[in-house]
Amino acid sequence: MQFSANLGFLWTDRPLPDAIRAAKAAGFDAVECHWPYDTPAEEVLAALNETGLRMLGLNGRRGNVVGGENGLTALVGREEEARAAIDEALAYANHLGTPNVHIMAGFAKGDAARRTYVENLRYASSEAAPLGITILIEPLNKYDAPGYFLSTTGQALAIIEEIGAPNLKLMFDCYHVQLMEGDLSHKLADLLPHIGHIQFASVPDRGAPDHGEVNYAHIFKRIGELGWQTPLGAEYKPMGDTDATLGWLETLR
């Protein structure tokens, strides 16, 4: 298996370019991040070129983080701001050669929110297509993100099928899916044609994948049997120094 270091959680004690270098030194095959916008894209690109790593994905802005927002795409009346965030994310990703952009839904509910979400995703998919970029949507679990608009793979799949854009895919985070639905092996197989990226962390503490209720040796083996070839995203919260948590990188590879 190949693995991508999610620098939204790993090596957060250093600037993004240095975190990229740390991921290379640790033996990761790629990197991904959350919100890189405080770092000039040229500095990130220089670190990627230096290390030979690819930035697999990044997120669009969340909105007013201090006010508790966690995405804009499903928020009624915020369409202009949501699309500006989409444009910014696509431009940054295009500069880096990043193939995936995760567009976050936010805290919302109801039919109007769903219509807003669908229309904004249509816009994102259309704008991303000429750039060769895939738009990702990710269900978040109700424990970490109560009230988040997108919470299950079934809900995400219905929206993906309704929009019908070939570059709109599911971000399958094993951590979130296990907490909400379980049955990871079957769900990975059933949803594979719609999956654009896979992430993981231990359950229930979102730590390194060497403990908890999910047997990642089995899950990674299953993913390999399904023919998946893209690096899997290590999006876990290290308990202490990141380097001290990386024993799994060799034992599970």
C-alpha atoms as a PDB file:
ATOM      1  CA  MET A   1       0.000   0.000   0.000  1.00  0.00           C
ATOM      2  CA  GLN A   2       0.981   3.601  -0.577  1.00  0.00           C
ATOM      3  CA  PHE A   3       0.148   6.310   1.954  1.00  0.00           C
ATOM      4  CA  SER A   4      -0.454  10.057   1.884  1.00  0.00           C
ATOM      5  CA  ALA A   5       0.265  12.206   4.944  1.00  0.00           C
ATOM      6  CA  ASN A   6      -2.590  14.541   5.789  1.00  0.00           C
ATOM      7  CA  LEU A   7      -0.771  17.653   6.939  1.00  0.00           C
ATOM      8  CA  GLY A   8      -3.911  19.102   8.454  1.00  0.00           C
ATOM      9  CA  PHE A   9      -3.181  16.811  11.419  1.00  0.00           C
ATOM     10  CA  LEU A  10       0.415  15.611  11.002  1.00  0.00           C
ATOM     11  CA  TRP A  11       3.434  17.865  11.715  1.00  0.00           C
ATOM     12  CA  THR A  12       1.211  20.829  12.523  1.00  0.00           C
ATOM     13  CA  ASP A  13       4.044  22.287  14.616  1.00  0.00           C
ATOM     14  CA  ARG A  14       5.833  23.538  11.505  1.00  0.00           C
ATOM     15  CA  PRO A  15       5.095  25.530   8.349  1.00  0.00           C
ATOM     16  CA  LEU A  16       3.440  23.617   5.511  1.00  0.00           C
ATOM     17  CA  PRO A  17       6.578  23.408   3.311  1.00  0.00           C
ATOM     18  CA  ASP A  18       8.535  21.934   6.231  1.00  0.00           C
ATOM     19  CA  ALA A  19       5.709  19.489   6.971  1.00  0.00           C
ATOM     20  CA  ILE A  20       5.973  18.305   3.357  1.00  0.00           C
ATOM     21  CA  ARG A  21       9.678  17.697   3.857  1.00  0.00           C
ATOM     22  CA  ALA A  22       8.972  15.809   7.101  1.00  0.00           C
ATOM     23  CA  ALA A  23       6.487  13.570   5.287  1.00  0.00           C
ATOM     24  CA  LYS A  24       9.107  12.746   2.676  1.00  0.00           C
ATOM     25  CA  ALA A  25      11.688  11.945   5.339  1.00  0.00           C
ATOM     26  CA  ALA A  26       9.197   9.660   7.114  1.00  0.00           C
ATOM     27  CA  GLY A  27       8.591   7.617   3.955  1.00  0.00           C
ATOM     28  CA  PHE A  28       5.166   8.820   2.823  1.00  0.00           C
ATOM     29  CA  ASP A  29       4.339   8.529  -0.877  1.00  0.00           C
ATOM     30  CA  ALA A  30       2.270  11.727  -1.141  1.00  0.00           C
ATOM     31  CA  VAL A  31       0.739  14.503   0.952  1.00  0.00           C
ATOM     32  CA  GLU A  32      -2.622  16.219   1.327  1.00  0.00           C
ATOM     33  CA  CYS A  33      -3.791  19.113   3.471  1.00  0.00           C
ATOM     34  CA  HIS A  34      -6.800  20.987   4.799  1.00  0.00           C
ATOM     35  CA  TRP A  35      -6.576  24.758   4.279  1.00  0.00           C
ATOM     36  CA  PRO A  36      -3.212  25.843   2.831  1.00  0.00           C
ATOM     37  CA  TYR A  37      -4.230  29.394   1.946  1.00  0.00           C
ATOM     38  CA  ASP A  38      -2.043  31.192   4.494  1.00  0.00           C
ATOM     39  CA  THR A  39       1.015  29.783   2.695  1.00  0.00           C
ATOM     40  CA  PRO A  40       1.842  31.154  -0.761  1.00  0.00           C
ATOM     41  CA  ALA A  41       1.272  28.456  -3.358  1.00  0.00           C
ATOM     42  CA  GLU A  42       4.765  28.995  -4.785  1.00  0.00           C
ATOM     43  CA  GLU A  43       6.333  27.996  -1.458  1.00  0.00           C
ATOM     44  CA  VAL A  44       4.246  24.830  -1.305  1.00  0.00           C
ATOM     45  CA  LEU A  45       5.047  24.008  -4.924  1.00  0.00           C
ATOM     46  CA  ALA A  46       8.758  24.454  -4.271  1.00  0.00           C
ATOM     47  CA  ALA A  47       8.617  21.960  -1.389  1.00  0.00           C
ATOM     48  CA  LEU A  48       6.665  19.490  -3.524  1.00  0.00           C
ATOM     49  CA  ASN A  49       9.184  19.775  -6.339  1.00  0.00           C
ATOM     50  CA  GLU A  50      12.078  19.413  -3.905  1.00  0.00           C
ATOM     51  CA  THR A  51      10.689  16.233  -2.339  1.00  0.00           C
ATOM     52  CA  GLY A  52       9.054  14.745  -5.424  1.00  0.00           C
ATOM     53  CA  LEU A  53       5.784  14.341  -3.520  1.00  0.00           C
ATOM     54  CA  ARG A  54       2.376  15.174  -4.968  1.00  0.00           C
ATOM     55  CA  MET A  55      -0.300  17.132  -3.103  1.00  0.00           C
ATOM     56  CA  LEU A  56      -3.283  14.816  -3.590  1.00  0.00           C
ATOM     57  CA  GLY A  57      -5.985  17.028  -2.164  1.00  0.00           C
ATOM     58  CA  LEU A  58      -6.977  20.154  -0.278  1.00  0.00           C
ATOM     59  CA  ASN A  59     -10.165  21.640   1.162  1.00  0.00           C
ATOM     60  CA  GLY A  60     -12.158  24.717   0.274  1.00  0.00           C
ATOM     61  CA  ARG A  61     -12.508  27.322   3.004  1.00  0.00           C
ATOM     62  CA  ARG A  62     -14.996  26.679   5.807  1.00  0.00           C
ATOM     63  CA  GLY A  63     -16.391  30.200   6.219  1.00  0.00           C
ATOM     64  CA  ASN A  64     -16.422  31.901   9.610  1.00  0.00           C
ATOM     65  CA  VAL A  65     -14.438  29.403  11.672  1.00  0.00           C
ATOM     66  CA  VAL A  66     -14.526  31.567  14.816  1.00  0.00           C
ATOM     67  CA  GLY A  67     -18.304  31.576  14.497  1.00  0.00           C
ATOM     68  CA  GLY A  68     -18.343  27.777  14.261  1.00  0.00           C
ATOM     69  CA  GLU A  69     -18.847  27.331  10.525  1.00  0.00           C
ATOM     70  CA  ASN A  70     -17.550  24.195   8.829  1.00  0.00           C
ATOM     71  CA  GLY A  71     -18.281  24.749   5.154  1.00  0.00           C
ATOM     72  CA  LEU A  72     -20.451  26.976   2.995  1.00  0.00           C
ATOM     73  CA  THR A  73     -21.785  24.854   0.155  1.00  0.00           C
ATOM     74  CA  ALA A  74     -25.188  23.974   1.671  1.00  0.00           C
ATOM     75  CA  LEU A  75     -25.828  27.332   3.341  1.00  0.00           C
ATOM     76  CA  VAL A  76     -28.844  29.115   1.866  1.00  0.00           C
ATOM     77  CA  GLY A  77     -28.099  32.747   1.034  1.00  0.00           C
ATOM     78  CA  ARG A  78     -24.323  32.260   1.065  1.00  0.00           C
ATOM     79  CA  GLU A  79     -23.997  31.123  -2.555  1.00  0.00           C
ATOM     80  CA  GLU A  80     -21.729  33.975  -3.644  1.00  0.00           C
ATOM     81  CA  GLU A  81     -19.293  33.338  -0.801  1.00  0.00           C
ATOM     82  CA  ALA A  82     -19.427  29.579  -1.375  1.00  0.00           C
ATOM     83  CA  ARG A  83     -18.572  29.952  -5.042  1.00  0.00           C
ATOM     84  CA  ALA A  84     -15.754  32.370  -4.287  1.00  0.00           C
ATOM     85  CA  ALA A  85     -14.293  29.714  -1.956  1.00  0.00           C
ATOM     86  CA  ILE A  86     -14.670  27.115  -4.713  1.00  0.00           C
ATOM     87  CA  ASP A  87     -12.875  29.375  -7.199  1.00  0.00           C
ATOM     88  CA  GLU A  88     -10.053  30.008  -4.729  1.00  0.00           C
ATOM     89  CA  ALA A  89      -9.597  26.308  -3.966  1.00  0.00           C
ATOM     90  CA  LEU A  90      -9.555  25.351  -7.644  1.00  0.00           C
ATOM     91  CA  ALA A  91      -7.000  28.041  -8.479  1.00  0.00           C
ATOM     92  CA  TYR A  92      -4.708  26.949  -5.633  1.00  0.00           C
ATOM     93  CA  ALA A  93      -5.066  23.273  -6.532  1.00  0.00           C
ATOM     94  CA  ASN A  94      -4.436  23.950 -10.203  1.00  0.00           C
ATOM     95  CA  HIS A  95      -1.232  25.803  -9.375  1.00  0.00           C
ATOM     96  CA  LEU A  96       0.054  22.776  -7.449  1.00  0.00           C
ATOM     97  CA  GLY A  97      -1.204  20.132  -9.868  1.00  0.00           C
ATOM     98  CA  THR A  98      -3.480  18.813  -7.123  1.00  0.00           C
ATOM     99  CA  PRO A  99      -6.104  16.410  -8.520  1.00  0.00           C
ATOM    100  CA  ASN A 100      -8.754  16.608  -5.764  1.00  0.00           C
ATOM    101  CA  VAL A 101     -10.596  19.428  -3.986  1.00  0.00           C
ATOM    102  CA  HIS A 102     -12.879  18.674  -1.049  1.00  0.00           C
ATOM    103  CA  ILE A 103     -15.809  21.095  -0.918  1.00  0.00           C
ATOM    104  CA  MET A 104     -17.359  21.168   2.558  1.00  0.00           C
ATOM    105  CA  ALA A 105     -21.130  21.322   3.024  1.00  0.00           C
ATOM    106  CA  GLY A 106     -21.428  23.057   6.392  1.00  0.00           C
ATOM    107  CA  PHE A 107     -24.065  22.914   9.119  1.00  0.00           C
ATOM    108  CA  ALA A 108     -27.508  22.965   7.516  1.00  0.00           C
ATOM    109  CA  LYS A 109     -30.643  20.877   7.030  1.00  0.00           C
ATOM    110  CA  GLY A 110     -33.787  20.765   4.951  1.00  0.00           C
ATOM    111  CA  ASP A 111     -34.822  20.836   1.315  1.00  0.00           C
ATOM    112  CA  ALA A 112     -33.583  24.361   0.641  1.00  0.00           C
ATOM    113  CA  ALA A 113     -30.142  23.457   1.949  1.00  0.00           C
ATOM    114  CA  ARG A 114     -30.075  20.381  -0.274  1.00  0.00           C
ATOM    115  CA  ARG A 115     -31.010  22.416  -3.348  1.00  0.00           C
ATOM    116  CA  THR A 116     -28.313  24.958  -2.537  1.00  0.00           C
ATOM    117  CA  TYR A 117     -25.773  22.214  -2.002  1.00  0.00           C
ATOM    118  CA  VAL A 118     -26.610  20.523  -5.304  1.00  0.00           C
ATOM    119  CA  GLU A 119     -26.437  23.752  -7.303  1.00  0.00           C
ATOM    120  CA  ASN A 120     -23.121  24.762  -5.762  1.00  0.00           C
ATOM    121  CA  LEU A 121     -21.713  21.303  -6.462  1.00  0.00           C
ATOM    122  CA  ARG A 122     -22.879  21.550 -10.062  1.00  0.00           C
ATOM    123  CA  TYR A 123     -20.963  24.810 -10.295  1.00  0.00           C
ATOM    124  CA  ALA A 124     -17.858  23.320  -8.644  1.00  0.00           C
ATOM    125  CA  SER A 125     -17.851  20.255 -10.888  1.00  0.00           C
ATOM    126  CA  SER A 126     -18.305  22.357 -14.007  1.00  0.00           C
ATOM    127  CA  GLU A 127     -15.503  24.756 -13.086  1.00  0.00           C
ATOM    128  CA  ALA A 128     -13.177  21.912 -12.068  1.00  0.00           C
ATOM    129  CA  ALA A 129     -13.665  19.766 -15.179  1.00  0.00           C
ATOM    130  CA  PRO A 130     -11.511  21.807 -17.614  1.00  0.00           C
ATOM    131  CA  LEU A 131      -8.715  21.750 -15.014  1.00  0.00           C
ATOM    132  CA  GLY A 132      -8.815  17.974 -14.668  1.00  0.00           C
ATOM    133  CA  ILE A 133      -9.743  18.316 -10.989  1.00  0.00           C
ATOM    134  CA  THR A 134     -12.138  16.025  -9.102  1.00  0.00           C
ATOM    135  CA  ILE A 135     -14.571  17.515  -6.579  1.00  0.00           C
ATOM    136  CA  LEU A 136     -14.888  15.435  -3.410  1.00  0.00           C
ATOM    137  CA  ILE A 137     -17.721  15.403  -0.890  1.00  0.00           C
ATOM    138  CA  GLU A 138     -17.269  13.737   2.481  1.00  0.00           C
ATOM    139  CA  PRO A 139     -19.876  12.556   5.004  1.00  0.00           C
ATOM    140  CA  LEU A 140     -18.856  13.527   8.555  1.00  0.00           C
ATOM    141  CA  ASN A 141     -19.972  11.624  11.640  1.00  0.00           C
ATOM    142  CA  LYS A 142     -22.614  13.003  13.992  1.00  0.00           C
ATOM    143  CA  TYR A 143     -20.352  12.830  17.039  1.00  0.00           C
ATOM    144  CA  ASP A 144     -17.571  15.090  15.771  1.00  0.00           C
ATOM    145  CA  ALA A 145     -19.775  17.276  13.563  1.00  0.00           C
ATOM    146  CA  PRO A 146     -23.368  17.280  14.866  1.00  0.00           C
ATOM    147  CA  GLY A 147     -25.650  19.059  12.426  1.00  0.00           C
ATOM    148  CA  TYR A 148     -23.324  18.732   9.436  1.00  0.00           C
ATOM    149  CA  PHE A 149     -25.401  18.498   6.268  1.00  0.00           C
ATOM    150  CA  LEU A 150     -23.734  15.374   4.847  1.00  0.00           C
ATOM    151  CA  SER A 151     -23.508  12.448   7.257  1.00  0.00           C
ATOM    152  CA  THR A 152     -23.868   9.146   5.359  1.00  0.00           C
ATOM    153  CA  THR A 153     -22.518   7.543   2.213  1.00  0.00           C
ATOM    154  CA  GLY A 154     -26.071   6.892   1.025  1.00  0.00           C
ATOM    155  CA  GLN A 155     -26.888  10.579   1.206  1.00  0.00           C
ATOM    156  CA  ALA A 156     -23.683  11.434  -0.649  1.00  0.00           C
ATOM    157  CA  LEU A 157     -24.288   8.804  -3.337  1.00  0.00           C
ATOM    158  CA  ALA A 158     -27.798  10.110  -4.031  1.00  0.00           C
ATOM    159  CA  ILE A 159     -26.392  13.599  -4.616  1.00  0.00           C
ATOM    160  CA  ILE A 160     -23.531  12.329  -6.778  1.00  0.00           C
ATOM    161  CA  GLU A 161     -25.970  10.361  -8.940  1.00  0.00           C
ATOM    162  CA  GLU A 162     -28.395  13.281  -9.206  1.00  0.00           C
ATOM    163  CA  ILE A 163     -25.704  15.669 -10.421  1.00  0.00           C
ATOM    164  CA  GLY A 164     -24.157  13.078 -12.719  1.00  0.00           C
ATOM    165  CA  ALA A 165     -20.825  14.842 -13.149  1.00  0.00           C
ATOM    166  CA  PRO A 166     -17.998  12.345 -13.785  1.00  0.00           C
ATOM    167  CA  ASN A 167     -15.602  14.449 -11.705  1.00  0.00           C
ATOM    168  CA  LEU A 168     -17.820  14.506  -8.579  1.00  0.00           C
ATOM    169  CA  LYS A 169     -16.740  11.730  -6.218  1.00  0.00           C
ATOM    170  CA  LEU A 170     -17.015  10.478  -2.650  1.00  0.00           C
ATOM    171  CA  MET A 171     -14.310  11.000  -0.066  1.00  0.00           C
ATOM    172  CA  PHE A 172     -14.499   7.698   1.798  1.00  0.00           C
ATOM    173  CA  ASP A 173     -13.058   8.315   5.257  1.00  0.00           C
ATOM    174  CA  CYS A 174     -12.989   4.966   7.055  1.00  0.00           C
ATOM    175  CA  TYR A 175     -13.130   6.742  10.419  1.00  0.00           C
ATOM    176  CA  HIS A 176     -16.356   8.621   9.680  1.00  0.00           C
ATOM    177  CA  VAL A 177     -18.001   5.720   7.840  1.00  0.00           C
ATOM    178  CA  GLN A 178     -17.242   3.244  10.633  1.00  0.00           C
ATOM    179  CA  LEU A 179     -18.782   5.543  13.250  1.00  0.00           C
ATOM    180  CA  MET A 180     -21.946   6.144  11.218  1.00  0.00           C
ATOM    181  CA  GLU A 181     -22.459   2.921   9.265  1.00  0.00           C
ATOM    182  CA  GLY A 182     -19.812   0.251   9.891  1.00  0.00           C
ATOM    183  CA  ASP A 183     -19.408  -2.641   7.435  1.00  0.00           C
ATOM    184  CA  LEU A 184     -16.330  -1.067   5.850  1.00  0.00           C
ATOM    185  CA  SER A 185     -15.330  -4.029   3.690  1.00  0.00           C
ATOM    186  CA  HIS A 186     -18.669  -4.272   1.906  1.00  0.00           C
ATOM    187  CA  LYS A 187     -19.146  -0.520   1.638  1.00  0.00           C
ATOM    188  CA  LEU A 188     -15.722  -0.054   0.044  1.00  0.00           C
ATOM    189  CA  ALA A 189     -16.553  -2.693  -2.549  1.00  0.00           C
ATOM    190  CA  ASP A 190     -20.056  -1.390  -3.250  1.00  0.00           C
ATOM    191  CA  LEU A 191     -19.046   2.270  -3.497  1.00  0.00           C
ATOM    192  CA  LEU A 192     -15.698   1.856  -5.242  1.00  0.00           C
ATOM    193  CA  PRO A 193     -16.841   3.275  -8.627  1.00  0.00           C
ATOM    194  CA  HIS A 194     -17.893   6.484  -6.855  1.00  0.00           C
ATOM    195  CA  ILE A 195     -14.873   6.895  -4.544  1.00  0.00           C
ATOM    196  CA  GLY A 196     -12.315   9.566  -5.363  1.00  0.00           C
ATOM    197  CA  HIS A 197     -10.106   9.280  -2.279  1.00  0.00           C
ATOM    198  CA  ILE A 198      -9.836   7.084   0.828  1.00  0.00           C
ATOM    199  CA  GLN A 199      -8.751   8.250   4.285  1.00  0.00           C
ATOM    200  CA  PHE A 200      -8.340   6.474   7.603  1.00  0.00           C
ATOM    201  CA  ALA A 201      -7.780   6.809  11.358  1.00  0.00           C
ATOM    202  CA  SER A 202      -8.357   4.590  14.358  1.00  0.00           C
ATOM    203  CA  VAL A 203     -11.867   4.338  15.763  1.00  0.00           C
ATOM    204  CA  PRO A 204     -13.108   5.751  18.063  1.00  0.00           C
ATOM    205  CA  ASP A 205     -10.231   8.053  19.099  1.00  0.00           C
ATOM    206  CA  ARG A 206      -9.076   9.143  15.589  1.00  0.00           C
ATOM    207  CA  GLY A 207      -5.486   8.236  16.397  1.00  0.00           C
ATOM    208  CA  ALA A 208      -2.925   6.220  14.431  1.00  0.00           C
ATOM    209  CA  PRO A 209      -4.358   3.107  12.721  1.00  0.00           C
ATOM    210  CA  ASP A 210      -2.503   0.597  14.912  1.00  0.00           C
ATOM    211  CA  HIS A 211      -5.238   0.286  17.555  1.00  0.00           C
ATOM    212  CA  GLY A 212      -8.978   0.605  18.053  1.00  0.00           C
ATOM    213  CA  GLU A 213     -11.970  -1.296  16.721  1.00  0.00           C
ATOM    214  CA  VAL A 214     -10.971  -1.344  13.025  1.00  0.00           C
ATOM    215  CA  ASN A 215      -8.470  -3.956  11.838  1.00  0.00           C
ATOM    216  CA  TYR A 216      -6.636  -1.867   9.256  1.00  0.00           C
ATOM    217  CA  ALA A 217      -4.387  -4.737   8.199  1.00  0.00           C
ATOM    218  CA  HIS A 218      -7.571  -6.373   6.898  1.00  0.00           C
ATOM    219  CA  ILE A 219      -9.052  -3.162   5.485  1.00  0.00           C
ATOM    220  CA  PHE A 220      -5.890  -2.212   3.589  1.00  0.00           C
ATOM    221  CA  LYS A 221      -5.627  -5.741   2.217  1.00  0.00           C
ATOM    222  CA  ARG A 222      -9.226  -5.519   1.040  1.00  0.00           C
ATOM    223  CA  ILE A 223      -8.607  -2.146  -0.617  1.00  0.00           C
ATOM    224  CA  GLY A 224      -5.651  -3.647  -2.458  1.00  0.00           C
ATOM    225  CA  GLU A 225      -7.750  -6.620  -3.589  1.00  0.00           C
ATOM    226  CA  LEU A 226     -10.284  -4.175  -5.033  1.00  0.00           C
ATOM    227  CA  GLY A 227      -7.566  -2.765  -7.276  1.00  0.00           C
ATOM    228  CA  TRP A 228      -7.167   0.613  -5.578  1.00  0.00           C
ATOM    229  CA  GLN A 229      -3.793   2.155  -6.451  1.00  0.00           C
ATOM    230  CA  THR A 230      -3.864   5.751  -5.181  1.00  0.00           C
ATOM    231  CA  PRO A 231      -2.142   6.508  -1.829  1.00  0.00           C
ATOM    232  CA  LEU A 232      -4.482   6.256   1.159  1.00  0.00           C
ATOM    233  CA  GLY A 233      -4.800   9.386   3.281  1.00  0.00           C
ATOM    234  CA  ALA A 234      -3.503   9.178   6.851  1.00  0.00           C
ATOM    235  CA  GLU A 235      -5.843  11.722   8.410  1.00  0.00           C
ATOM    236  CA  TYR A 236      -5.372  10.932  12.077  1.00  0.00           C
ATOM    237  CA  LYS A 237      -4.615  12.994  15.154  1.00  0.00           C
ATOM    238  CA  PRO A 238      -1.231  11.981  16.578  1.00  0.00           C
ATOM    239  CA  MET A 239      -1.097  11.592  20.330  1.00  0.00           C
ATOM    240  CA  GLY A 240       2.105  13.546  20.835  1.00  0.00           C
ATOM    241  CA  ASP A 241       4.979  13.935  18.382  1.00  0.00           C
ATOM    242  CA  THR A 242       3.986  12.836  14.880  1.00  0.00           C
ATOM    243  CA  ASP A 243       7.202  10.913  14.207  1.00  0.00           C
ATOM    244  CA  ALA A 244       6.653   8.842  17.356  1.00  0.00           C
ATOM    245  CA  THR A 245       3.324   7.563  15.980  1.00  0.00           C
ATOM    246  CA  LEU A 246       4.573   6.237  12.625  1.00  0.00           C
ATOM    247  CA  GLY A 247       5.380   2.621  13.470  1.00  0.00           C
ATOM    248  CA  TRP A 248       2.262   1.560  11.569  1.00  0.00           C
ATOM    249  CA  LEU A 249       3.698   2.948   8.335  1.00  0.00           C
ATOM    250  CA  GLU A 250       5.920  -0.075   7.854  1.00  0.00           C
ATOM    251  CA  THR A 251       3.888  -2.762   9.621  1.00  0.00           C
ATOM    252  CA  LEU A 252       0.720  -1.998   7.635  1.00  0.00           C
ATOM    253  CA  ARG A 253       2.315  -1.219   4.289  1.00  0.00           C
END
